[in-house]
C-alpha cells in the first residue's frame, strides 16, 4: 500500500544504471529467461543479480560472491544470489551489456 500526499511526488528510478533502450530490452529478455530457469525466484532479487552481472567486472563479481558465500546471515540468502547462480548468469555470452 502506498500513500498519496497531494503536492509531494515520489521519486522512482526506473533506470538507475542508465541502460540504453536496447540494453533495457535485453535486460527484460534476460529477466524472462531467469524466471523460466528459476520460477520461484523473487523478481527483485533476480533483477538485482542481473544488474550485478551487467554492471560489475568479473573480479568485482567474484569478490561479491565470496562475501555472500562466506557471510553468516540470520536471513536465508536467495538462491538467485548464490555464486553458482551468478556463474550461470555470467557464463552467457550475450549477457554483457557494456
PDB file of N, CA and C in Angstrom:
ATOM      1  N   UNK A   1       0.835  -1.170   0.000  1.00  0.00           N
ATOM      2  CA  UNK A   1       0.000   0.000   0.000  1.00  0.00           C
ATOM      3  C   UNK A   1       0.887   1.242   0.000  1.00  0.00           C
ATOM      4  N   UNK A   2       0.554   2.191  -0.810  1.00  0.00           N
ATOM      5  CA  UNK A   2       1.289   3.453  -0.844  1.00  0.00           C
ATOM      6  C   UNK A   2       0.345   4.595  -0.525  1.00  0.00           C
ATOM      7  N   UNK A   3       0.885   5.575   0.128  1.00  0.00           N
ATOM      8  CA  UNK A   3       0.103   6.760   0.454  1.00  0.00           C
ATOM      9  C   UNK A   3       0.375   7.831  -0.581  1.00  0.00           C
ATOM     10  N   UNK A   4      -0.653   8.518  -0.960  1.00  0.00           N
ATOM     11  CA  UNK A   4      -0.508   9.610  -1.897  1.00  0.00           C
ATOM     12  C   UNK A   4      -0.725  10.913  -1.145  1.00  0.00           C
ATOM     13  N   UNK A   5       0.288  11.744  -1.124  1.00  0.00           N
ATOM     14  CA  UNK A   5       0.195  13.024  -0.449  1.00  0.00           C
ATOM     15  C   UNK A   5       0.188  14.101  -1.521  1.00  0.00           C
ATOM     16  N   UNK A   6      -0.864  14.899  -1.507  1.00  0.00           N
ATOM     17  CA  UNK A   6      -1.019  15.927  -2.527  1.00  0.00           C
ATOM     18  C   UNK A   6       0.161  16.908  -2.458  1.00  0.00           C
ATOM     19  N   UNK A   7       0.738  17.186  -3.617  1.00  0.00           N
ATOM     20  CA  UNK A   7       1.853  18.115  -3.704  1.00  0.00           C
ATOM     21  C   UNK A   7       3.213  17.480  -3.475  1.00  0.00           C
ATOM     22  N   UNK A   8       3.247  16.204  -3.134  1.00  0.00           N
ATOM     23  CA  UNK A   8       4.509  15.509  -2.899  1.00  0.00           C
ATOM     24  C   UNK A   8       4.617  14.352  -3.877  1.00  0.00           C
ATOM     25  N   UNK A   9       5.586  14.434  -4.755  1.00  0.00           N
ATOM     26  CA  UNK A   9       5.777  13.383  -5.754  1.00  0.00           C
ATOM     27  C   UNK A   9       6.845  12.410  -5.297  1.00  0.00           C
ATOM     28  N   UNK A  10       6.562  11.152  -5.509  1.00  0.00           N
ATOM     29  CA  UNK A  10       7.521  10.101  -5.188  1.00  0.00           C
ATOM     30  C   UNK A  10       8.552   9.997  -6.284  1.00  0.00           C
ATOM     31  N   UNK A  11       9.806   9.841  -5.907  1.00  0.00           N
ATOM     32  CA  UNK A  11      10.864   9.665  -6.887  1.00  0.00           C
ATOM     33  C   UNK A  11      10.950   8.177  -7.220  1.00  0.00           C
ATOM     34  N   UNK A  12      10.933   7.872  -8.500  1.00  0.00           N
ATOM     35  CA  UNK A  12      11.052   6.477  -8.921  1.00  0.00           C
ATOM     36  C   UNK A  12      12.174   6.392  -9.941  1.00  0.00           C
ATOM     37  N   UNK A  13      13.166   5.574  -9.648  1.00  0.00           N
ATOM     38  CA  UNK A  13      14.302   5.399 -10.547  1.00  0.00           C
ATOM     39  C   UNK A  13      14.077   4.140 -11.368  1.00  0.00           C
ATOM     40  N   UNK A  14      13.590   4.318 -12.555  1.00  0.00           N
ATOM     41  CA  UNK A  14      13.306   3.170 -13.413  1.00  0.00           C
ATOM     42  C   UNK A  14      14.558   2.674 -14.125  1.00  0.00           C
ATOM     43  N   UNK A  15      15.553   3.521 -14.245  1.00  0.00           N
ATOM     44  CA  UNK A  15      16.760   3.155 -14.981  1.00  0.00           C
ATOM     45  C   UNK A  15      17.989   3.723 -14.260  1.00  0.00           C
ATOM     46  N   UNK A  16      18.269   3.238 -13.046  1.00  0.00           N
ATOM     47  CA  UNK A  16      19.364   3.829 -12.269  1.00  0.00           C
ATOM     48  C   UNK A  16      20.750   3.609 -12.880  1.00  0.00           C
ATOM     49  N   UNK A  17      20.907   2.603 -13.746  1.00  0.00           N
ATOM     50  CA  UNK A  17      22.207   2.337 -14.367  1.00  0.00           C
ATOM     51  C   UNK A  17      22.326   2.980 -15.747  1.00  0.00           C
ATOM     52  N   UNK A  18      21.328   3.752 -16.126  1.00  0.00           N
ATOM     53  CA  UNK A  18      21.317   4.454 -17.411  1.00  0.00           C
ATOM     54  C   UNK A  18      21.534   3.520 -18.602  1.00  0.00           C
ATOM     55  N   UNK A  19      20.819   2.386 -18.592  1.00  0.00           N
ATOM     56  CA  UNK A  19      20.869   1.477 -19.732  1.00  0.00           C
ATOM     57  C   UNK A  19      20.209   2.152 -20.925  1.00  0.00           C
ATOM     58  N   UNK A  20      20.686   1.849 -22.119  1.00  0.00           N
ATOM     59  CA  UNK A  20      20.045   2.348 -23.336  1.00  0.00           C
ATOM     60  C   UNK A  20      18.744   1.565 -23.553  1.00  0.00           C
ATOM     61  N   UNK A  21      17.923   2.008 -24.516  1.00  0.00           N
ATOM     62  CA  UNK A  21      16.674   1.296 -24.812  1.00  0.00           C
ATOM     63  C   UNK A  21      16.949  -0.142 -25.231  1.00  0.00           C
ATOM     64  N   UNK A  22      18.010  -0.341 -26.024  1.00  0.00           N
ATOM     65  CA  UNK A  22      18.383  -1.692 -26.460  1.00  0.00           C
ATOM     66  C   UNK A  22      18.802  -2.548 -25.258  1.00  0.00           C
ATOM     67  N   UNK A  23      19.585  -1.959 -24.365  1.00  0.00           N
ATOM     68  CA  UNK A  23      20.029  -2.688 -23.181  1.00  0.00           C
ATOM     69  C   UNK A  23      18.849  -3.024 -22.270  1.00  0.00           C
ATOM     70  N   UNK A  24      17.887  -2.105 -22.146  1.00  0.00           N
ATOM     71  CA  UNK A  24      16.699  -2.383 -21.334  1.00  0.00           C
ATOM     72  C   UNK A  24      15.886  -3.524 -21.931  1.00  0.00           C
ATOM     73  N   UNK A  25      15.795  -3.577 -23.262  1.00  0.00           N
ATOM     74  CA  UNK A  25      15.070  -4.672 -23.923  1.00  0.00           C
ATOM     75  C   UNK A  25      15.777  -6.005 -23.662  1.00  0.00           C
ATOM     76  N   UNK A  26      17.115  -6.005 -23.751  1.00  0.00           N
ATOM     77  CA  UNK A  26      17.876  -7.229 -23.453  1.00  0.00           C
ATOM     78  C   UNK A  26      17.714  -7.631 -21.995  1.00  0.00           C
ATOM     79  N   UNK A  27      17.744  -6.649 -21.111  1.00  0.00           N
ATOM     80  CA  UNK A  27      17.582  -6.934 -19.682  1.00  0.00           C
ATOM     81  C   UNK A  27      16.220  -7.582 -19.436  1.00  0.00           C
ATOM     82  N   UNK A  28      15.178  -7.042 -20.071  1.00  0.00           N
ATOM     83  CA  UNK A  28      13.841  -7.612 -19.934  1.00  0.00           C
ATOM     84  C   UNK A  28      13.819  -9.048 -20.435  1.00  0.00           C
ATOM     85  N   UNK A  29      14.493  -9.304 -21.552  1.00  0.00           N
ATOM     86  CA  UNK A  29      14.572 -10.660 -22.098  1.00  0.00           C
ATOM     87  C   UNK A  29      15.285 -11.587 -21.114  1.00  0.00           C
ATOM     88  N   UNK A  30      16.392 -11.129 -20.545  1.00  0.00           N
ATOM     89  CA  UNK A  30      17.133 -11.944 -19.580  1.00  0.00           C
ATOM     90  C   UNK A  30      16.303 -12.221 -18.334  1.00  0.00           C
ATOM     91  N   UNK A  31      15.541 -11.237 -17.875  1.00  0.00           N
ATOM     92  CA  UNK A  31      14.701 -11.447 -16.695  1.00  0.00           C
ATOM     93  C   UNK A  31      13.631 -12.500 -16.965  1.00  0.00           C
ATOM     94  N   UNK A  32      13.088 -12.500 -18.175  1.00  0.00           N
ATOM     95  CA  UNK A  32      12.116 -13.538 -18.535  1.00  0.00           C
ATOM     96  C   UNK A  32      12.781 -14.918 -18.561  1.00  0.00           C
ATOM     97  N   UNK A  33      14.021 -14.995 -19.068  1.00  0.00           N
ATOM     98  CA  UNK A  33      14.740 -16.272 -19.089  1.00  0.00           C
ATOM     99  C   UNK A  33      15.047 -16.739 -17.667  1.00  0.00           C
ATOM    100  N   UNK A  34      15.422 -15.807 -16.799  1.00  0.00           N
ATOM    101  CA  UNK A  34      15.689 -16.153 -15.395  1.00  0.00           C
ATOM    102  C   UNK A  34      14.422 -16.710 -14.762  1.00  0.00           C
ATOM    103  N   UNK A  35      13.273 -16.090 -15.044  1.00  0.00           N
ATOM    104  CA  UNK A  35      12.004 -16.554 -14.480  1.00  0.00           C
ATOM    105  C   UNK A  35      11.684 -17.969 -14.959  1.00  0.00           C
ATOM    106  N   UNK A  36      12.091 -18.306 -16.192  1.00  0.00           N
ATOM    107  CA  UNK A  36      11.873 -19.672 -16.684  1.00  0.00           C
ATOM    108  C   UNK A  36      12.790 -20.664 -15.973  1.00  0.00           C
ATOM    109  N   UNK A  37      14.053 -20.267 -15.735  1.00  0.00           N
ATOM    110  CA  UNK A  37      15.007 -21.155 -15.071  1.00  0.00           C
ATOM    111  C   UNK A  37      14.717 -21.311 -13.584  1.00  0.00           C
ATOM    112  N   UNK A  38      14.306 -20.222 -12.947  1.00  0.00           N
ATOM    113  CA  UNK A  38      14.029 -20.221 -11.505  1.00  0.00           C
ATOM    114  C   UNK A  38      12.655 -19.601 -11.273  1.00  0.00           C
ATOM    115  N   UNK A  39      11.589 -20.369 -11.486  1.00  0.00           N
ATOM    116  CA  UNK A  39      10.233 -19.808 -11.380  1.00  0.00           C
ATOM    117  C   UNK A  39       9.906 -19.272  -9.990  1.00  0.00           C
ATOM    118  N   UNK A  40      10.550 -19.794  -8.961  1.00  0.00           N
ATOM    119  CA  UNK A  40      10.263 -19.344  -7.600  1.00  0.00           C
ATOM    120  C   UNK A  40      11.100 -18.142  -7.184  1.00  0.00           C
ATOM    121  N   UNK A  41      11.999 -17.697  -8.048  1.00  0.00           N
ATOM    122  CA  UNK A  41      12.884 -16.585  -7.700  1.00  0.00           C
ATOM    123  C   UNK A  41      12.091 -15.287  -7.571  1.00  0.00           C
ATOM    124  N   UNK A  42      12.391 -14.561  -6.523  1.00  0.00           N
ATOM    125  CA  UNK A  42      11.791 -13.261  -6.305  1.00  0.00           C
ATOM    126  C   UNK A  42      12.261 -12.303  -7.397  1.00  0.00           C
ATOM    127  N   UNK A  43      11.361 -11.567  -8.001  1.00  0.00           N
ATOM    128  CA  UNK A  43      11.701 -10.670  -9.113  1.00  0.00           C
ATOM    129  C   UNK A  43      12.720  -9.610  -8.704  1.00  0.00           C
ATOM    130  N   UNK A  44      12.597  -9.113  -7.478  1.00  0.00           N
ATOM    131  CA  UNK A  44      13.539  -8.096  -7.002  1.00  0.00           C
ATOM    132  C   UNK A  44      14.960  -8.651  -6.997  1.00  0.00           C
ATOM    133  N   UNK A  45      15.135  -9.853  -6.429  1.00  0.00           N
ATOM    134  CA  UNK A  45      16.468 -10.444  -6.342  1.00  0.00           C
ATOM    135  C   UNK A  45      16.992 -10.859  -7.717  1.00  0.00           C
ATOM    136  N   UNK A  46      16.094 -11.293  -8.590  1.00  0.00           N
ATOM    137  CA  UNK A  46      16.515 -11.651  -9.944  1.00  0.00           C
ATOM    138  C   UNK A  46      17.064 -10.422 -10.661  1.00  0.00           C
ATOM    139  N   UNK A  47      16.379  -9.298 -10.524  1.00  0.00           N
ATOM    140  CA  UNK A  47      16.856  -8.074 -11.160  1.00  0.00           C
ATOM    141  C   UNK A  47      18.159  -7.595 -10.524  1.00  0.00           C
ATOM    142  N   UNK A  48      18.254  -7.745  -9.210  1.00  0.00           N
ATOM    143  CA  UNK A  48      19.481  -7.371  -8.505  1.00  0.00           C
ATOM    144  C   UNK A  48      20.667  -8.203  -9.003  1.00  0.00           C
ATOM    145  N   UNK A  49      20.477  -9.515  -9.138  1.00  0.00           N
ATOM    146  CA  UNK A  49      21.547 -10.391  -9.619  1.00  0.00           C
ATOM    147  C   UNK A  49      21.923 -10.057 -11.064  1.00  0.00           C
ATOM    148  N   UNK A  50      20.930  -9.785 -11.889  1.00  0.00           N
ATOM    149  CA  UNK A  50      21.201  -9.445 -13.286  1.00  0.00           C
ATOM    150  C   UNK A  50      21.962  -8.124 -13.377  1.00  0.00           C
ATOM    151  N   UNK A  51      21.537  -7.120 -12.624  1.00  0.00           N
ATOM    152  CA  UNK A  51      22.254  -5.840 -12.635  1.00  0.00           C
ATOM    153  C   UNK A  51      23.693  -6.017 -12.159  1.00  0.00           C
ATOM    154  N   UNK A  52      23.894  -6.892 -11.201  1.00  0.00           N
ATOM    155  CA  UNK A  52      25.250  -7.176 -10.722  1.00  0.00           C
ATOM    156  C   UNK A  52      26.100  -7.731 -11.862  1.00  0.00           C
ATOM    157  N   UNK A  53      25.535  -8.663 -12.623  1.00  0.00           N
ATOM    158  CA  UNK A  53      26.277  -9.263 -13.734  1.00  0.00           C
ATOM    159  C   UNK A  53      26.520  -8.265 -14.867  1.00  0.00           C
ATOM    160  N   UNK A  54      25.593  -7.351 -15.059  1.00  0.00           N
ATOM    161  CA  UNK A  54      25.701  -6.424 -16.178  1.00  0.00           C
ATOM    162  C   UNK A  54      26.582  -5.219 -15.885  1.00  0.00           C
ATOM    163  N   UNK A  55      26.718  -4.858 -14.617  1.00  0.00           N
ATOM    164  CA  UNK A  55      27.409  -3.601 -14.298  1.00  0.00           C
ATOM    165  C   UNK A  55      28.743  -3.778 -13.587  1.00  0.00           C
ATOM    166  N   UNK A  56      29.038  -4.958 -13.105  1.00  0.00           N
ATOM    167  CA  UNK A  56      30.288  -5.175 -12.373  1.00  0.00           C
ATOM    168  C   UNK A  56      31.252  -6.015 -13.199  1.00  0.00           C
ATOM    169  N   UNK A  57      32.536  -5.755 -12.996  1.00  0.00           N
ATOM    170  CA  UNK A  57      33.544  -6.552 -13.675  1.00  0.00           C
ATOM    171  C   UNK A  57      33.557  -7.956 -13.079  1.00  0.00           C
ATOM    172  N   UNK A  58      34.177  -8.877 -13.781  1.00  0.00           N
ATOM    173  CA  UNK A  58      34.243 -10.256 -13.308  1.00  0.00           C
ATOM    174  C   UNK A  58      34.937 -10.340 -11.948  1.00  0.00           C
ATOM    175  N   UNK A  59      35.984  -9.555 -11.757  1.00  0.00           N
ATOM    176  CA  UNK A  59      36.702  -9.545 -10.485  1.00  0.00           C
ATOM    177  C   UNK A  59      35.805  -9.034  -9.348  1.00  0.00           C
ATOM    178  N   UNK A  60      35.057  -7.973  -9.614  1.00  0.00           N
ATOM    179  CA  UNK A  60      34.141  -7.442  -8.601  1.00  0.00           C
ATOM    180  C   UNK A  60      33.042  -8.450  -8.283  1.00  0.00           C
ATOM    181  N   UNK A  61      32.559  -9.154  -9.305  1.00  0.00           N
ATOM    182  CA  UNK A  61      31.539 -10.179  -9.091  1.00  0.00           C
ATOM    183  C   UNK A  61      32.064 -11.285  -8.190  1.00  0.00           C
ATOM    184  N   UNK A  62      33.302 -11.734  -8.454  1.00  0.00           N
ATOM    185  CA  UNK A  62      33.890 -12.800  -7.633  1.00  0.00           C
ATOM    186  C   UNK A  62      34.012 -12.368  -6.169  1.00  0.00           C
ATOM    187  N   UNK A  63      34.417 -11.133  -5.948  1.00  0.00           N
ATOM    188  CA  UNK A  63      34.554 -10.622  -4.585  1.00  0.00           C
ATOM    189  C   UNK A  63      33.197 -10.581  -3.879  1.00  0.00           C
ATOM    190  N   UNK A  64      32.185 -10.137  -4.584  1.00  0.00           N
ATOM    191  CA  UNK A  64      30.839 -10.092  -4.006  1.00  0.00           C
ATOM    192  C   UNK A  64      30.341 -11.499  -3.710  1.00  0.00           C
ATOM    193  N   UNK A  65      30.590 -12.447  -4.640  1.00  0.00           N
ATOM    194  CA  UNK A  65      30.169 -13.829  -4.419  1.00  0.00           C
ATOM    195  C   UNK A  65      30.867 -14.428  -3.202  1.00  0.00           C
ATOM    196  N   UNK A  66      32.160 -14.129  -3.028  1.00  0.00           N
ATOM    197  CA  UNK A  66      32.891 -14.629  -1.851  1.00  0.00           C
ATOM    198  C   UNK A  66      32.263 -14.108  -0.572  1.00  0.00           C
ATOM    199  N   UNK A  67      31.932 -12.812  -0.555  1.00  0.00           N
ATOM    200  CA  UNK A  67      31.324 -12.230   0.645  1.00  0.00           C
ATOM    201  C   UNK A  67      29.970 -12.856   0.940  1.00  0.00           C
ATOM    202  N   UNK A  68      29.154 -13.066  -0.103  1.00  0.00           N
ATOM    203  CA  UNK A  68      27.832 -13.681   0.095  1.00  0.00           C
ATOM    204  C   UNK A  68      27.991 -15.099   0.626  1.00  0.00           C
ATOM    205  N   UNK A  69      28.912 -15.869   0.018  1.00  0.00           N
ATOM    206  CA  UNK A  69      29.082 -17.272   0.409  1.00  0.00           C
ATOM    207  C   UNK A  69      29.709 -17.440   1.794  1.00  0.00           C
ATOM    208  N   UNK A  70      30.512 -16.480   2.233  1.00  0.00           N
ATOM    209  CA  UNK A  70      31.226 -16.647   3.497  1.00  0.00           C
ATOM    210  C   UNK A  70      30.607 -15.885   4.663  1.00  0.00           C
ATOM    211  N   UNK A  71      29.604 -15.102   4.419  1.00  0.00           N
ATOM    212  CA  UNK A  71      28.999 -14.301   5.485  1.00  0.00           C
ATOM    213  C   UNK A  71      27.852 -15.058   6.127  1.00  0.00           C
ATOM    214  N   UNK A  72      27.932 -15.159   7.455  1.00  0.00           N
ATOM    215  CA  UNK A  72      26.834 -15.761   8.203  1.00  0.00           C
ATOM    216  C   UNK A  72      25.672 -14.778   8.208  1.00  0.00           C
ATOM    217  N   UNK A  73      24.478 -15.284   8.013  1.00  0.00           N
ATOM    218  CA  UNK A  73      23.310 -14.417   7.991  1.00  0.00           C
ATOM    219  C   UNK A  73      22.159 -15.107   8.685  1.00  0.00           C
ATOM    220  N   UNK A  74      21.390 -14.316   9.422  1.00  0.00           N
ATOM    221  CA  UNK A  74      20.209 -14.900  10.050  1.00  0.00           C
ATOM    222  C   UNK A  74      19.070 -15.028   9.028  1.00  0.00           C
ATOM    223  N   UNK A  75      19.261 -14.391   7.864  1.00  0.00           N
ATOM    224  CA  UNK A  75      18.271 -14.465   6.799  1.00  0.00           C
ATOM    225  C   UNK A  75      18.739 -15.438   5.733  1.00  0.00           C
ATOM    226  N   UNK A  76      17.802 -16.101   5.106  1.00  0.00           N
ATOM    227  CA  UNK A  76      18.139 -17.024   4.024  1.00  0.00           C
ATOM    228  C   UNK A  76      18.510 -16.207   2.787  1.00  0.00           C
ATOM    229  N   UNK A  77      19.679 -16.487   2.246  1.00  0.00           N
ATOM    230  CA  UNK A  77      20.113 -15.801   1.030  1.00  0.00           C
ATOM    231  C   UNK A  77      19.415 -16.459  -0.153  1.00  0.00           C
ATOM    232  N   UNK A  78      18.711 -15.663  -0.955  1.00  0.00           N
ATOM    233  CA  UNK A  78      18.004 -16.246  -2.102  1.00  0.00           C
ATOM    234  C   UNK A  78      18.962 -16.975  -3.035  1.00  0.00           C
ATOM    235  N   UNK A  79      18.514 -18.105  -3.563  1.00  0.00           N
ATOM    236  CA  UNK A  79      19.357 -18.916  -4.445  1.00  0.00           C
ATOM    237  C   UNK A  79      19.875 -18.113  -5.632  1.00  0.00           C
ATOM    238  N   UNK A  80      19.074 -17.171  -6.096  1.00  0.00           N
ATOM    239  CA  UNK A  80      19.457 -16.381  -7.273  1.00  0.00           C
ATOM    240  C   UNK A  80      20.716 -15.551  -6.991  1.00  0.00           C
ATOM    241  N   UNK A  81      21.042 -15.307  -5.715  1.00  0.00           N
ATOM    242  CA  UNK A  81      22.223 -14.522  -5.374  1.00  0.00           C
ATOM    243  C   UNK A  81      23.417 -15.377  -4.960  1.00  0.00           C
ATOM    244  N   UNK A  82      23.313 -16.681  -5.042  1.00  0.00           N
ATOM    245  CA  UNK A  82      24.439 -17.525  -4.684  1.00  0.00           C
ATOM    246  C   UNK A  82      25.444 -17.563  -5.821  1.00  0.00           C
ATOM    247  N   UNK A  83      26.666 -17.932  -5.493  1.00  0.00           N
ATOM    248  CA  UNK A  83      27.727 -17.898  -6.504  1.00  0.00           C
ATOM    249  C   UNK A  83      27.429 -18.827  -7.681  1.00  0.00           C
ATOM    250  N   UNK A  84      26.815 -19.982  -7.439  1.00  0.00           N
ATOM    251  CA  UNK A  84      26.516 -20.896  -8.549  1.00  0.00           C
ATOM    252  C   UNK A  84      25.570 -20.257  -9.550  1.00  0.00           C
ATOM    253  N   UNK A  85      24.563 -19.573  -9.067  1.00  0.00           N
ATOM    254  CA  UNK A  85      23.599 -18.931  -9.952  1.00  0.00           C
ATOM    255  C   UNK A  85      24.240 -17.779 -10.699  1.00  0.00           C
ATOM    256  N   UNK A  86      25.024 -16.965 -10.014  1.00  0.00           N
ATOM    257  CA  UNK A  86      25.670 -15.837 -10.673  1.00  0.00           C
ATOM    258  C   UNK A  86      26.653 -16.314 -11.731  1.00  0.00           C
ATOM    259  N   UNK A  87      27.306 -17.455 -11.496  1.00  0.00           N
ATOM    260  CA  UNK A  87      28.215 -18.001 -12.504  1.00  0.00           C
ATOM    261  C   UNK A  87      27.436 -18.444 -13.733  1.00  0.00           C
ATOM    262  N   UNK A  88      26.263 -19.030 -13.538  1.00  0.00           N
ATOM    263  CA  UNK A  88      25.431 -19.436 -14.666  1.00  0.00           C
ATOM    264  C   UNK A  88      25.027 -18.204 -15.463  1.00  0.00           C
ATOM    265  N   UNK A  89      24.594 -17.149 -14.760  1.00  0.00           N
ATOM    266  CA  UNK A  89      24.200 -15.924 -15.454  1.00  0.00           C
ATOM    267  C   UNK A  89      25.393 -15.311 -16.175  1.00  0.00           C
ATOM    268  N   UNK A  90      26.547 -15.321 -15.533  1.00  0.00           N
ATOM    269  CA  UNK A  90      27.730 -14.680 -16.084  1.00  0.00           C
ATOM    270  C   UNK A  90      28.306 -15.447 -17.273  1.00  0.00           C
ATOM    271  N   UNK A  91      28.050 -16.753 -17.361  1.00  0.00           N
ATOM    272  CA  UNK A  91      28.617 -17.550 -18.450  1.00  0.00           C
ATOM    273  C   UNK A  91      27.895 -17.365 -19.770  1.00  0.00           C
ATOM    274  N   UNK A  92      26.792 -16.635 -19.767  1.00  0.00           N
ATOM    275  CA  UNK A  92      26.077 -16.383 -21.008  1.00  0.00           C
ATOM    276  C   UNK A  92      26.873 -15.379 -21.839  1.00  0.00           C
ATOM    277  N   UNK A  93      27.172 -15.729 -23.079  1.00  0.00           N
ATOM    278  CA  UNK A  93      27.928 -14.844 -23.970  1.00  0.00           C
ATOM    279  C   UNK A  93      27.171 -13.566 -24.269  1.00  0.00           C
ATOM    280  N   UNK A  94      25.854 -13.629 -24.227  1.00  0.00           N
ATOM    281  CA  UNK A  94      25.031 -12.477 -24.581  1.00  0.00           C
ATOM    282  C   UNK A  94      24.754 -11.567 -23.396  1.00  0.00           C
ATOM    283  N   UNK A  95      25.226 -11.906 -22.224  1.00  0.00           N
ATOM    284  CA  UNK A  95      24.815 -11.196 -21.025  1.00  0.00           C
ATOM    285  C   UNK A  95      25.503  -9.862 -20.864  1.00  0.00           C
ATOM    286  N   UNK A  96      26.705  -9.721 -21.343  1.00  0.00           N
ATOM    287  CA  UNK A  96      27.462  -8.472 -21.099  1.00  0.00           C
ATOM    288  C   UNK A  96      26.861  -7.318 -21.877  1.00  0.00           C
ATOM    289  N   UNK A  97      26.499  -6.296 -21.137  1.00  0.00           N
ATOM    290  CA  UNK A  97      25.970  -5.071 -21.744  1.00  0.00           C
ATOM    291  C   UNK A  97      26.865  -3.949 -21.280  1.00  0.00           C
ATOM    292  N   UNK A  98      27.873  -3.630 -22.039  1.00  0.00           N
ATOM    293  CA  UNK A  98      28.783  -2.543 -21.660  1.00  0.00           C
ATOM    294  C   UNK A  98      28.971  -1.597 -22.803  1.00  0.00           C
TER     295      UNK A  98
END
